[in-house]
């Protein structure tokens, strides 16, 4: 399947979607947003990285920031925080550059490595977009964490690629229906900047029908 450009969803939504489908729908369909210190800290980190005019050359290495990427197959578009292009005889040609290069995406995150797949899937989605655009294979990428000031090598496994494909397909299905899933309250809700808009406690306990029945009952 191939999506038209007007159908593309934000690639960054993969992370929101795998963290919480309701959070993704509130942000990407209902256009709601709320800040907390975590989101502000992350925004500052990305602003420092996302300077598309800044390119670094270090010998055989070229670092490109804020590279625009997309995939017609996944129906996603977005930006890579940074892409490392390293001269390689087995690499691919890059427009405006002499020689051939291996391609490695770098995603910057505040905090420390997490136990879930959210960050890993976002990086994998970026790599899959680059592979489609540049006709190359990308076996690994890196996640750089602001708290640890260390980058983690991520092998882009078939399992991670399947996770991305499944998530992208489900995102498009929900977006087409304009359906916002119910919230499921977990410990992660306490740290979510959207909790005052999401109201997971109320959402998880009653249906709209139940709420109306209770309200009508009190009026009798």
N, C-alpha and C. Protein backbone atom coordinates (compact mmCIF):
# COMPACT_ATOMS: atom_id res chain seq x y z
N UNK A 1 0.85 -1.19 0.00
CA UNK A 1 0.00 0.00 0.00
C UNK A 1 0.88 1.24 0.00
N UNK A 2 0.39 2.29 -0.66
CA UNK A 2 1.12 3.55 -0.71
C UNK A 2 0.16 4.69 -0.41
N UNK A 3 0.58 5.62 0.45
CA UNK A 3 -0.26 6.75 0.84
C UNK A 3 0.10 7.99 0.03
N UNK A 4 -0.90 8.84 -0.25
CA UNK A 4 -0.65 10.14 -0.87
C UNK A 4 -0.08 11.09 0.18
N UNK A 5 0.64 12.12 -0.25
CA UNK A 5 1.29 13.03 0.69
C UNK A 5 0.30 13.66 1.65
N UNK A 6 -0.92 13.98 1.18
CA UNK A 6 -1.90 14.62 2.05
C UNK A 6 -2.42 13.67 3.14
N UNK A 7 -2.10 12.40 3.01
CA UNK A 7 -2.53 11.42 4.02
C UNK A 7 -1.44 11.14 5.06
N UNK A 8 -0.26 11.70 4.86
CA UNK A 8 0.85 11.41 5.78
C UNK A 8 0.51 11.88 7.20
N UNK A 9 0.88 11.06 8.17
CA UNK A 9 0.77 11.41 9.59
C UNK A 9 2.16 11.76 10.12
N UNK A 10 2.20 12.45 11.26
CA UNK A 10 3.48 12.84 11.83
C UNK A 10 4.23 11.61 12.35
N UNK A 11 5.46 11.47 11.91
CA UNK A 11 6.27 10.33 12.35
C UNK A 11 6.47 10.34 13.86
N UNK A 12 6.62 11.52 14.44
CA UNK A 12 6.84 11.61 15.89
C UNK A 12 5.66 11.03 16.67
N UNK A 13 4.50 10.92 16.01
CA UNK A 13 3.32 10.35 16.67
C UNK A 13 3.48 8.89 17.04
N UNK A 14 4.42 8.18 16.38
CA UNK A 14 4.67 6.77 16.71
C UNK A 14 4.97 6.63 18.20
N UNK A 15 5.80 7.53 18.72
CA UNK A 15 6.18 7.46 20.14
C UNK A 15 4.96 7.69 21.02
N UNK A 16 4.16 8.71 20.70
CA UNK A 16 2.95 8.98 21.47
C UNK A 16 1.99 7.79 21.40
N UNK A 17 1.85 7.22 20.20
CA UNK A 17 0.89 6.15 19.98
C UNK A 17 1.23 4.91 20.79
N UNK A 18 2.50 4.53 20.80
CA UNK A 18 2.88 3.33 21.53
C UNK A 18 2.88 3.57 23.04
N UNK A 19 3.09 4.82 23.46
CA UNK A 19 2.99 5.14 24.88
C UNK A 19 1.54 5.09 25.34
N UNK A 20 0.64 5.69 24.54
CA UNK A 20 -0.79 5.72 24.90
C UNK A 20 -1.58 6.14 23.67
N UNK A 21 -2.45 5.28 23.20
CA UNK A 21 -3.22 5.59 22.00
C UNK A 21 -4.14 6.79 22.21
N UNK A 22 -4.65 6.96 23.41
CA UNK A 22 -5.51 8.12 23.69
C UNK A 22 -4.68 9.41 23.64
N UNK A 23 -3.48 9.38 24.21
CA UNK A 23 -2.61 10.55 24.16
C UNK A 23 -2.35 10.95 22.70
N UNK A 24 -2.04 9.96 21.86
CA UNK A 24 -1.79 10.23 20.44
C UNK A 24 -3.00 10.89 19.80
N UNK A 25 -4.20 10.34 20.05
CA UNK A 25 -5.41 10.88 19.42
C UNK A 25 -5.70 12.30 19.89
N UNK A 26 -5.51 12.57 21.17
CA UNK A 26 -5.75 13.92 21.68
C UNK A 26 -4.80 14.93 21.02
N UNK A 27 -3.55 14.54 20.84
CA UNK A 27 -2.55 15.45 20.27
C UNK A 27 -2.70 15.58 18.76
N UNK A 28 -2.78 14.45 18.07
CA UNK A 28 -2.67 14.46 16.61
C UNK A 28 -4.00 14.53 15.88
N UNK A 29 -5.11 14.20 16.55
CA UNK A 29 -6.42 14.34 15.91
C UNK A 29 -7.19 15.53 16.47
N UNK A 30 -7.19 15.67 17.79
CA UNK A 30 -7.97 16.74 18.41
C UNK A 30 -7.17 18.02 18.59
N UNK A 31 -5.86 17.96 18.24
CA UNK A 31 -4.99 19.14 18.30
C UNK A 31 -4.95 19.77 19.69
N UNK A 32 -4.92 18.91 20.72
CA UNK A 32 -4.80 19.39 22.09
C UNK A 32 -3.37 19.20 22.56
N UNK A 33 -2.94 20.07 23.45
CA UNK A 33 -1.57 19.98 23.96
C UNK A 33 -1.47 20.66 25.31
N UNK A 34 -0.64 20.11 26.17
CA UNK A 34 -0.38 20.72 27.47
C UNK A 34 1.06 20.45 27.83
N UNK A 35 1.72 21.44 28.41
CA UNK A 35 3.13 21.34 28.75
C UNK A 35 3.32 20.93 30.20
N UNK A 36 4.41 20.24 30.47
CA UNK A 36 4.94 20.11 31.82
C UNK A 36 6.46 20.24 31.72
N UNK A 37 7.15 20.11 32.84
CA UNK A 37 8.60 20.36 32.79
C UNK A 37 9.32 19.37 31.90
N UNK A 38 8.77 18.14 31.75
CA UNK A 38 9.39 17.14 30.88
C UNK A 38 9.31 17.56 29.41
N UNK A 39 8.13 18.03 28.99
CA UNK A 39 7.98 18.43 27.59
C UNK A 39 8.79 19.68 27.28
N UNK A 40 8.85 20.61 28.23
CA UNK A 40 9.63 21.83 28.02
C UNK A 40 11.12 21.51 27.93
N UNK A 41 11.58 20.64 28.82
CA UNK A 41 12.99 20.24 28.81
C UNK A 41 13.35 19.56 27.49
N UNK A 42 12.45 18.68 27.03
CA UNK A 42 12.68 17.99 25.76
C UNK A 42 12.67 18.95 24.59
N UNK A 43 11.80 19.96 24.64
CA UNK A 43 11.74 20.94 23.56
C UNK A 43 13.03 21.76 23.47
N UNK A 44 13.58 22.12 24.63
CA UNK A 44 14.84 22.88 24.65
C UNK A 44 15.96 22.04 24.04
N UNK A 45 16.01 20.75 24.41
CA UNK A 45 17.04 19.86 23.87
C UNK A 45 16.95 19.79 22.35
N UNK A 46 15.73 19.64 21.82
CA UNK A 46 15.56 19.51 20.38
C UNK A 46 15.82 20.81 19.64
N UNK A 47 15.50 21.95 20.28
CA UNK A 47 15.79 23.23 19.63
C UNK A 47 17.29 23.43 19.44
N UNK A 48 18.06 22.93 20.40
CA UNK A 48 19.51 23.05 20.29
C UNK A 48 20.06 22.15 19.19
N UNK A 49 19.37 21.06 18.91
CA UNK A 49 19.83 20.09 17.91
C UNK A 49 19.34 20.47 16.51
N UNK A 50 18.08 20.97 16.43
CA UNK A 50 17.42 21.18 15.14
C UNK A 50 17.83 22.49 14.48
N UNK A 51 19.05 22.57 14.07
CA UNK A 51 19.52 23.71 13.29
C UNK A 51 19.86 23.19 11.90
N UNK A 52 18.89 23.32 10.99
CA UNK A 52 19.05 22.72 9.66
C UNK A 52 20.17 23.37 8.85
N UNK A 53 20.62 24.56 9.27
CA UNK A 53 21.72 25.22 8.56
C UNK A 53 23.09 24.74 9.04
N UNK A 54 23.09 23.98 10.13
CA UNK A 54 24.35 23.57 10.72
C UNK A 54 24.74 22.17 10.25
N UNK A 55 25.85 22.09 9.55
CA UNK A 55 26.39 20.80 9.12
C UNK A 55 27.81 20.69 9.66
N UNK A 56 28.11 19.53 10.18
CA UNK A 56 29.45 19.31 10.73
C UNK A 56 30.22 18.33 9.87
N UNK A 57 31.46 18.64 9.60
CA UNK A 57 32.35 17.72 8.88
C UNK A 57 33.50 17.35 9.79
N UNK A 58 33.69 16.05 9.94
CA UNK A 58 34.81 15.55 10.75
C UNK A 58 35.49 14.44 9.96
N UNK A 59 36.44 14.80 9.15
CA UNK A 59 37.11 13.80 8.32
C UNK A 59 36.15 13.20 7.33
N UNK A 60 35.93 11.90 7.44
CA UNK A 60 35.02 11.19 6.53
C UNK A 60 33.57 11.22 6.98
N UNK A 61 33.29 11.98 8.05
CA UNK A 61 31.95 12.02 8.62
C UNK A 61 31.29 13.38 8.36
N UNK A 62 30.06 13.34 7.84
CA UNK A 62 29.24 14.53 7.67
C UNK A 62 27.97 14.35 8.50
N UNK A 63 27.66 15.33 9.37
CA UNK A 63 26.46 15.27 10.21
C UNK A 63 25.47 16.32 9.71
N UNK A 64 24.28 15.85 9.32
CA UNK A 64 23.21 16.73 8.84
C UNK A 64 22.10 16.76 9.88
N UNK A 65 21.62 17.96 10.24
CA UNK A 65 20.61 18.10 11.28
C UNK A 65 19.26 18.48 10.68
N UNK A 66 18.20 18.07 11.37
CA UNK A 66 16.83 18.40 10.98
C UNK A 66 16.53 18.00 9.53
N UNK A 67 16.94 16.81 9.15
CA UNK A 67 16.69 16.32 7.79
C UNK A 67 15.22 15.92 7.63
N UNK A 68 14.57 16.46 6.60
CA UNK A 68 13.18 16.11 6.32
C UNK A 68 13.12 14.70 5.74
N UNK A 69 12.20 13.90 6.26
CA UNK A 69 12.07 12.52 5.80
C UNK A 69 10.60 12.16 5.63
N UNK A 70 10.33 11.12 4.83
CA UNK A 70 8.96 10.65 4.65
C UNK A 70 8.98 9.25 4.07
N UNK A 71 7.84 8.58 4.19
CA UNK A 71 7.67 7.25 3.60
C UNK A 71 6.26 7.14 3.06
N UNK A 72 6.14 6.89 1.75
CA UNK A 72 4.82 6.68 1.15
C UNK A 72 4.23 5.36 1.60
N UNK A 73 5.09 4.38 1.85
CA UNK A 73 4.60 3.05 2.26
C UNK A 73 4.01 3.09 3.67
N UNK A 74 4.65 3.81 4.57
CA UNK A 74 4.15 3.92 5.94
C UNK A 74 3.15 5.06 6.10
N UNK A 75 3.19 6.02 5.18
CA UNK A 75 2.31 7.18 5.31
C UNK A 75 2.74 8.09 6.45
N UNK A 76 4.05 8.27 6.62
CA UNK A 76 4.59 9.08 7.71
C UNK A 76 5.57 10.11 7.16
N UNK A 77 5.67 11.24 7.85
CA UNK A 77 6.68 12.23 7.50
C UNK A 77 7.13 12.95 8.77
N UNK A 78 8.35 13.49 8.73
CA UNK A 78 8.88 14.18 9.89
C UNK A 78 10.30 14.64 9.67
N UNK A 79 11.06 14.68 10.75
CA UNK A 79 12.46 15.10 10.70
C UNK A 79 13.32 14.16 11.53
N UNK A 80 14.54 13.98 11.10
CA UNK A 80 15.55 13.32 11.92
C UNK A 80 16.29 14.40 12.70
N UNK A 81 16.50 14.18 13.98
CA UNK A 81 17.31 15.12 14.75
C UNK A 81 18.67 15.30 14.09
N UNK A 82 19.30 14.20 13.78
CA UNK A 82 20.60 14.24 13.11
C UNK A 82 20.78 12.96 12.30
N UNK A 83 21.50 13.07 11.20
CA UNK A 83 21.85 11.91 10.38
C UNK A 83 23.34 11.95 10.13
N UNK A 84 24.01 10.86 10.49
CA UNK A 84 25.45 10.77 10.24
C UNK A 84 25.68 10.08 8.90
N UNK A 85 26.42 10.76 8.04
CA UNK A 85 26.80 10.23 6.73
C UNK A 85 28.30 9.98 6.75
N UNK A 86 28.67 8.72 6.69
CA UNK A 86 30.09 8.36 6.77
C UNK A 86 30.54 7.74 5.44
N UNK A 87 31.65 8.25 4.91
CA UNK A 87 32.14 7.73 3.63
C UNK A 87 32.34 6.21 3.72
N UNK A 88 31.80 5.53 2.71
CA UNK A 88 31.89 4.08 2.68
C UNK A 88 31.80 3.59 1.25
N UNK A 89 32.66 2.67 0.89
CA UNK A 89 32.64 2.12 -0.47
C UNK A 89 31.35 1.37 -0.74
N UNK A 90 30.69 0.88 0.33
CA UNK A 90 29.45 0.13 0.19
C UNK A 90 28.22 1.00 0.44
N UNK A 91 28.42 2.32 0.52
CA UNK A 91 27.33 3.23 0.82
C UNK A 91 26.53 3.65 -0.40
N UNK A 92 25.76 4.73 -0.23
CA UNK A 92 24.90 5.25 -1.29
C UNK A 92 25.30 6.68 -1.61
N UNK A 93 24.91 7.14 -2.79
CA UNK A 93 25.19 8.51 -3.20
C UNK A 93 24.25 9.48 -2.49
N UNK A 94 24.76 10.63 -2.11
CA UNK A 94 23.99 11.68 -1.46
C UNK A 94 24.06 12.92 -2.32
N UNK A 95 22.90 13.52 -2.61
CA UNK A 95 22.85 14.68 -3.48
C UNK A 95 23.74 15.80 -2.94
N UNK A 96 24.58 16.32 -3.82
CA UNK A 96 25.45 17.43 -3.46
C UNK A 96 26.75 17.03 -2.81
N UNK A 97 26.97 15.72 -2.65
CA UNK A 97 28.20 15.24 -2.02
C UNK A 97 28.92 14.28 -2.94
N UNK A 98 30.23 14.32 -2.92
CA UNK A 98 31.03 13.40 -3.71
C UNK A 98 31.24 12.10 -2.94
N UNK A 99 31.23 10.99 -3.66
CA UNK A 99 31.46 9.70 -3.03
C UNK A 99 30.18 9.05 -2.57
N UNK A 100 30.33 7.96 -1.82
CA UNK A 100 29.18 7.23 -1.28
C UNK A 100 29.30 7.15 0.23
N UNK A 101 28.12 7.01 0.89
CA UNK A 101 28.08 7.13 2.35
C UNK A 101 27.17 6.07 2.97
N UNK A 102 27.54 5.61 4.16
CA UNK A 102 26.61 4.86 5.00
C UNK A 102 25.74 5.88 5.72
N UNK A 103 24.53 5.46 6.12
CA UNK A 103 23.55 6.39 6.68
C UNK A 103 23.12 5.90 8.06
N UNK A 104 23.22 6.79 9.07
CA UNK A 104 22.86 6.41 10.44
C UNK A 104 22.05 7.52 11.10
N UNK A 105 20.78 7.25 11.45
CA UNK A 105 19.98 8.27 12.14
C UNK A 105 20.31 8.34 13.64
N UNK A 106 20.25 9.56 14.18
CA UNK A 106 20.47 9.80 15.61
C UNK A 106 19.25 10.53 16.15
N UNK A 107 18.61 9.99 17.18
CA UNK A 107 17.46 10.64 17.81
C UNK A 107 17.85 11.08 19.22
N UNK A 108 17.56 12.33 19.56
CA UNK A 108 17.89 12.89 20.87
C UNK A 108 16.67 12.84 21.78
N UNK A 109 16.88 12.39 23.02
CA UNK A 109 15.81 12.30 24.00
C UNK A 109 16.28 12.87 25.34
N UNK A 110 15.37 13.54 26.04
CA UNK A 110 15.68 13.94 27.40
C UNK A 110 15.60 12.70 28.30
N UNK A 111 16.03 12.79 29.52
CA UNK A 111 15.90 11.67 30.43
C UNK A 111 16.90 10.57 30.17
N UNK A 112 16.47 9.35 30.52
CA UNK A 112 17.34 8.17 30.43
C UNK A 112 16.64 7.10 29.61
N UNK A 113 17.37 6.05 29.19
CA UNK A 113 16.75 4.96 28.43
C UNK A 113 15.53 4.38 29.14
N UNK A 114 14.52 4.00 28.37
CA UNK A 114 13.26 3.49 28.92
C UNK A 114 13.13 1.98 28.68
N UNK A 115 12.20 1.38 29.40
CA UNK A 115 11.99 -0.06 29.26
C UNK A 115 11.07 -0.39 28.09
N UNK A 116 10.25 0.58 27.66
CA UNK A 116 9.31 0.29 26.58
C UNK A 116 9.96 0.52 25.20
N UNK A 117 9.16 0.34 24.16
CA UNK A 117 9.66 0.41 22.79
C UNK A 117 9.46 1.77 22.13
N UNK A 118 8.90 2.75 22.84
CA UNK A 118 8.51 4.01 22.21
C UNK A 118 9.66 4.69 21.47
N UNK A 119 10.76 4.90 22.17
CA UNK A 119 11.91 5.58 21.55
C UNK A 119 12.52 4.73 20.44
N UNK A 120 12.61 3.42 20.68
CA UNK A 120 13.19 2.52 19.70
C UNK A 120 12.38 2.52 18.41
N UNK A 121 11.06 2.53 18.54
CA UNK A 121 10.19 2.51 17.37
C UNK A 121 10.28 3.81 16.58
N UNK A 122 10.39 4.94 17.27
CA UNK A 122 10.53 6.21 16.57
C UNK A 122 11.81 6.25 15.75
N UNK A 123 12.90 5.79 16.35
CA UNK A 123 14.17 5.72 15.62
C UNK A 123 14.08 4.77 14.43
N UNK A 124 13.43 3.64 14.63
CA UNK A 124 13.27 2.66 13.55
C UNK A 124 12.45 3.24 12.40
N UNK A 125 11.39 3.97 12.74
CA UNK A 125 10.56 4.60 11.70
C UNK A 125 11.39 5.60 10.89
N UNK A 126 12.26 6.35 11.56
CA UNK A 126 13.13 7.28 10.85
C UNK A 126 14.03 6.53 9.87
N UNK A 127 14.61 5.44 10.34
CA UNK A 127 15.49 4.65 9.48
C UNK A 127 14.74 4.09 8.28
N UNK A 128 13.52 3.63 8.49
CA UNK A 128 12.73 3.07 7.40
C UNK A 128 12.39 4.13 6.36
N UNK A 129 12.14 5.37 6.81
CA UNK A 129 11.92 6.47 5.87
C UNK A 129 13.19 6.74 5.05
N UNK A 130 14.33 6.79 5.73
CA UNK A 130 15.60 7.04 5.05
C UNK A 130 15.92 5.94 4.04
N UNK A 131 15.64 4.70 4.42
CA UNK A 131 15.88 3.58 3.51
C UNK A 131 15.06 3.72 2.24
N UNK A 132 13.80 4.13 2.40
CA UNK A 132 12.92 4.28 1.24
C UNK A 132 13.36 5.45 0.36
N UNK A 133 13.78 6.55 0.99
CA UNK A 133 14.18 7.75 0.25
C UNK A 133 15.51 7.57 -0.47
N UNK A 134 16.46 6.91 0.19
CA UNK A 134 17.82 6.84 -0.33
C UNK A 134 18.16 5.50 -0.96
N UNK A 135 17.19 4.56 -0.95
CA UNK A 135 17.41 3.22 -1.51
C UNK A 135 18.64 2.57 -0.88
N UNK A 136 18.62 2.49 0.44
CA UNK A 136 19.76 1.93 1.16
C UNK A 136 19.26 1.02 2.28
N UNK A 137 20.18 0.37 2.95
CA UNK A 137 19.86 -0.45 4.11
C UNK A 137 20.54 0.16 5.34
N UNK A 138 19.79 0.28 6.42
CA UNK A 138 20.32 0.87 7.65
C UNK A 138 20.17 -0.16 8.77
N UNK A 139 21.24 -0.78 9.18
CA UNK A 139 21.14 -1.85 10.18
C UNK A 139 20.99 -1.35 11.61
N UNK A 140 21.44 -0.10 11.88
CA UNK A 140 21.42 0.39 13.27
C UNK A 140 21.34 1.90 13.30
N UNK A 141 20.90 2.43 14.43
CA UNK A 141 20.88 3.86 14.68
C UNK A 141 21.25 4.10 16.13
N UNK A 142 21.14 5.36 16.57
CA UNK A 142 21.52 5.69 17.95
C UNK A 142 20.46 6.57 18.61
N UNK A 143 20.25 6.34 19.90
CA UNK A 143 19.44 7.20 20.76
C UNK A 143 20.37 7.89 21.73
N UNK A 144 20.36 9.23 21.73
CA UNK A 144 21.18 9.99 22.66
C UNK A 144 20.27 10.52 23.77
N UNK A 145 20.62 10.21 25.04
CA UNK A 145 19.81 10.62 26.18
C UNK A 145 20.48 11.74 26.95
N UNK A 146 19.71 12.84 27.16
CA UNK A 146 20.25 14.03 27.79
C UNK A 146 20.66 13.82 29.24
N UNK A 147 19.94 12.94 29.95
CA UNK A 147 20.26 12.74 31.37
C UNK A 147 21.57 11.99 31.55
N UNK A 148 21.79 10.97 30.74
CA UNK A 148 23.00 10.16 30.87
C UNK A 148 24.15 10.71 30.03
N UNK A 149 23.82 11.62 29.08
CA UNK A 149 24.81 12.16 28.13
C UNK A 149 25.58 11.03 27.44
N UNK A 150 24.81 10.05 27.05
CA UNK A 150 25.39 8.86 26.41
C UNK A 150 24.46 8.41 25.30
N UNK A 151 25.03 7.90 24.21
CA UNK A 151 24.16 7.41 23.17
C UNK A 151 24.17 5.89 23.12
N UNK A 152 23.00 5.36 22.84
CA UNK A 152 22.75 3.93 22.85
C UNK A 152 22.58 3.42 21.43
N UNK A 153 23.38 2.43 21.06
CA UNK A 153 23.25 1.83 19.73
C UNK A 153 22.01 0.93 19.70
N UNK A 154 21.21 1.08 18.66
CA UNK A 154 19.98 0.30 18.52
C UNK A 154 20.04 -0.51 17.23
N UNK A 155 19.99 -1.81 17.36
CA UNK A 155 19.91 -2.68 16.19
C UNK A 155 18.47 -2.64 15.67
N UNK A 156 18.31 -2.31 14.41
CA UNK A 156 16.98 -2.13 13.83
C UNK A 156 16.47 -3.49 13.35
N UNK A 157 15.96 -4.25 14.29
CA UNK A 157 15.57 -5.63 14.06
C UNK A 157 14.26 -5.73 13.27
N UNK A 158 14.00 -6.92 12.78
CA UNK A 158 12.73 -7.16 12.07
C UNK A 158 11.55 -6.97 13.02
N UNK A 159 11.73 -7.30 14.29
CA UNK A 159 10.66 -7.12 15.28
C UNK A 159 10.31 -5.64 15.43
N UNK A 160 11.33 -4.78 15.51
CA UNK A 160 11.07 -3.34 15.62
C UNK A 160 10.41 -2.82 14.34
N UNK A 161 10.82 -3.30 13.20
CA UNK A 161 10.23 -2.85 11.94
C UNK A 161 8.75 -3.27 11.85
N UNK A 162 8.44 -4.46 12.32
CA UNK A 162 7.05 -4.91 12.34
C UNK A 162 6.21 -4.08 13.30
N UNK A 163 6.81 -3.70 14.42
CA UNK A 163 6.12 -2.84 15.39
C UNK A 163 5.75 -1.51 14.75
N UNK A 164 6.68 -0.94 13.99
CA UNK A 164 6.43 0.33 13.30
C UNK A 164 5.34 0.17 12.25
N UNK A 165 5.41 -0.87 11.45
CA UNK A 165 4.42 -1.07 10.40
C UNK A 165 3.02 -1.25 10.99
N UNK A 166 2.92 -2.03 12.06
CA UNK A 166 1.62 -2.26 12.70
C UNK A 166 1.08 -0.98 13.32
N UNK A 167 1.95 -0.23 13.99
CA UNK A 167 1.53 1.02 14.61
C UNK A 167 1.07 2.03 13.56
N UNK A 168 1.83 2.16 12.47
CA UNK A 168 1.46 3.11 11.42
C UNK A 168 0.11 2.75 10.80
N UNK A 169 -0.13 1.46 10.55
CA UNK A 169 -1.41 1.03 9.98
C UNK A 169 -2.56 1.33 10.93
N UNK A 170 -2.38 1.07 12.22
CA UNK A 170 -3.43 1.33 13.20
C UNK A 170 -3.67 2.83 13.37
N UNK A 171 -2.61 3.63 13.33
CA UNK A 171 -2.75 5.09 13.41
C UNK A 171 -3.61 5.60 12.25
N UNK A 172 -3.34 5.11 11.04
CA UNK A 172 -4.11 5.55 9.88
C UNK A 172 -5.57 5.11 9.99
N UNK A 173 -5.80 3.91 10.52
CA UNK A 173 -7.17 3.42 10.67
C UNK A 173 -7.96 4.28 11.67
N UNK A 174 -7.34 4.61 12.80
CA UNK A 174 -8.01 5.46 13.80
C UNK A 174 -8.22 6.87 13.25
N UNK A 175 -7.21 7.38 12.53
CA UNK A 175 -7.32 8.74 11.99
C UNK A 175 -8.45 8.82 10.96
N UNK A 176 -8.60 7.78 10.15
CA UNK A 176 -9.65 7.77 9.14
C UNK A 176 -11.04 7.78 9.79
N UNK A 177 -11.16 7.12 10.94
CA UNK A 177 -12.43 7.07 11.67
C UNK A 177 -12.61 8.26 12.59
N UNK A 178 -11.52 9.06 12.78
CA UNK A 178 -11.51 10.16 13.75
C UNK A 178 -11.96 9.65 15.13
N UNK A 179 -11.39 8.49 15.50
CA UNK A 179 -11.78 7.84 16.74
C UNK A 179 -10.72 8.06 17.82
N UNK A 180 -11.14 8.61 18.96
CA UNK A 180 -10.25 8.78 20.12
C UNK A 180 -10.51 7.66 21.11
N UNK A 181 -9.55 6.76 21.31
CA UNK A 181 -9.76 5.64 22.23
C UNK A 181 -9.95 6.10 23.67
N UNK A 182 -10.56 5.24 24.47
CA UNK A 182 -10.68 5.51 25.90
C UNK A 182 -9.30 5.42 26.55
N UNK A 183 -9.17 6.08 27.69
CA UNK A 183 -7.92 6.00 28.43
C UNK A 183 -7.90 4.82 29.39
N UNK A 184 -6.75 4.26 29.58
CA UNK A 184 -6.55 3.20 30.58
C UNK A 184 -5.56 3.73 31.60
N UNK A 185 -6.03 3.94 32.81
CA UNK A 185 -5.17 4.55 33.82
C UNK A 185 -4.03 3.62 34.20
N UNK A 186 -2.80 4.14 34.13
CA UNK A 186 -1.61 3.41 34.56
C UNK A 186 -0.73 4.36 35.37
N UNK A 187 0.36 3.85 35.90
CA UNK A 187 1.28 4.70 36.66
C UNK A 187 1.87 5.79 35.78
N UNK A 188 1.99 5.50 34.48
CA UNK A 188 2.58 6.47 33.56
C UNK A 188 1.71 7.73 33.41
N UNK A 189 0.41 7.65 33.75
CA UNK A 189 -0.48 8.80 33.63
C UNK A 189 -0.01 9.96 34.51
N UNK A 190 0.59 9.65 35.65
CA UNK A 190 1.01 10.71 36.58
C UNK A 190 2.05 11.63 35.97
N UNK A 191 2.88 11.11 35.07
CA UNK A 191 3.94 11.91 34.46
C UNK A 191 3.53 12.52 33.12
N UNK A 192 2.32 12.24 32.66
CA UNK A 192 1.87 12.69 31.35
C UNK A 192 1.38 14.14 31.42
N UNK A 193 1.86 14.97 30.52
CA UNK A 193 1.44 16.37 30.49
C UNK A 193 -0.03 16.52 30.10
N UNK A 194 -0.62 15.47 29.50
CA UNK A 194 -1.99 15.55 29.00
C UNK A 194 -3.04 15.08 30.00
N UNK A 195 -2.64 14.71 31.21
CA UNK A 195 -3.59 14.03 32.11
C UNK A 195 -4.78 14.91 32.48
N UNK A 196 -4.58 16.24 32.57
CA UNK A 196 -5.70 17.12 32.93
C UNK A 196 -6.67 17.31 31.77
N UNK A 197 -6.23 17.04 30.54
CA UNK A 197 -7.11 17.07 29.38
C UNK A 197 -7.71 15.70 29.11
N UNK A 198 -6.93 14.67 29.40
CA UNK A 198 -7.37 13.29 29.14
C UNK A 198 -8.38 12.80 30.17
N UNK A 199 -8.16 13.17 31.44
CA UNK A 199 -9.01 12.72 32.56
C UNK A 199 -9.16 11.20 32.58
N UNK A 200 -8.05 10.47 32.71
CA UNK A 200 -8.10 9.00 32.62
C UNK A 200 -8.94 8.35 33.71
N UNK A 201 -9.02 8.96 34.89
CA UNK A 201 -9.81 8.36 35.98
C UNK A 201 -11.28 8.34 35.61
N UNK A 202 -11.79 9.48 35.12
CA UNK A 202 -13.20 9.55 34.72
C UNK A 202 -13.46 8.68 33.50
N UNK A 203 -12.54 8.78 32.54
CA UNK A 203 -12.70 8.05 31.28
C UNK A 203 -12.74 6.55 31.51
N UNK A 204 -11.97 6.07 32.46
CA UNK A 204 -11.86 4.63 32.66
C UNK A 204 -12.99 4.04 33.47
N UNK A 205 -13.75 4.88 34.19
CA UNK A 205 -14.75 4.34 35.11
C UNK A 205 -16.15 4.28 34.53
N UNK A 206 -16.53 5.24 33.69
CA UNK A 206 -17.90 5.30 33.22
C UNK A 206 -17.98 5.55 31.73
N UNK A 207 -19.05 5.03 31.14
CA UNK A 207 -19.36 5.37 29.76
C UNK A 207 -20.20 6.64 29.75
N UNK A 208 -20.35 7.25 28.58
CA UNK A 208 -21.19 8.43 28.48
C UNK A 208 -22.63 8.09 28.84
N UNK A 209 -23.09 6.89 28.44
CA UNK A 209 -24.46 6.46 28.76
C UNK A 209 -24.63 6.33 30.27
N UNK A 210 -23.63 5.72 30.92
CA UNK A 210 -23.71 5.58 32.37
C UNK A 210 -23.72 6.91 33.09
N UNK A 211 -22.92 7.85 32.58
CA UNK A 211 -22.87 9.18 33.18
C UNK A 211 -24.23 9.87 33.06
N UNK A 212 -24.86 9.79 31.89
CA UNK A 212 -26.15 10.43 31.69
C UNK A 212 -27.23 9.78 32.55
N UNK A 213 -27.17 8.47 32.67
CA UNK A 213 -28.15 7.77 33.51
C UNK A 213 -28.02 8.21 34.96
N UNK A 214 -26.79 8.35 35.45
CA UNK A 214 -26.57 8.80 36.82
C UNK A 214 -27.08 10.22 37.02
N UNK A 215 -26.79 11.09 36.05
CA UNK A 215 -27.23 12.49 36.14
C UNK A 215 -28.73 12.61 36.11
N UNK A 216 -29.39 11.85 35.23
CA UNK A 216 -30.85 11.89 35.15
C UNK A 216 -31.47 11.32 36.41
N UNK A 217 -30.79 10.33 37.00
CA UNK A 217 -31.30 9.74 38.23
C UNK A 217 -31.33 10.73 39.38
N UNK A 218 -30.30 11.59 39.44
CA UNK A 218 -30.25 12.57 40.54
C UNK A 218 -31.28 13.67 40.37
N UNK A 219 -31.84 13.81 39.15
CA UNK A 219 -32.81 14.87 38.90
C UNK A 219 -34.23 14.40 39.18
N UNK A 220 -34.45 13.12 39.43
CA UNK A 220 -35.81 12.60 39.66
C UNK A 220 -36.28 12.95 41.07
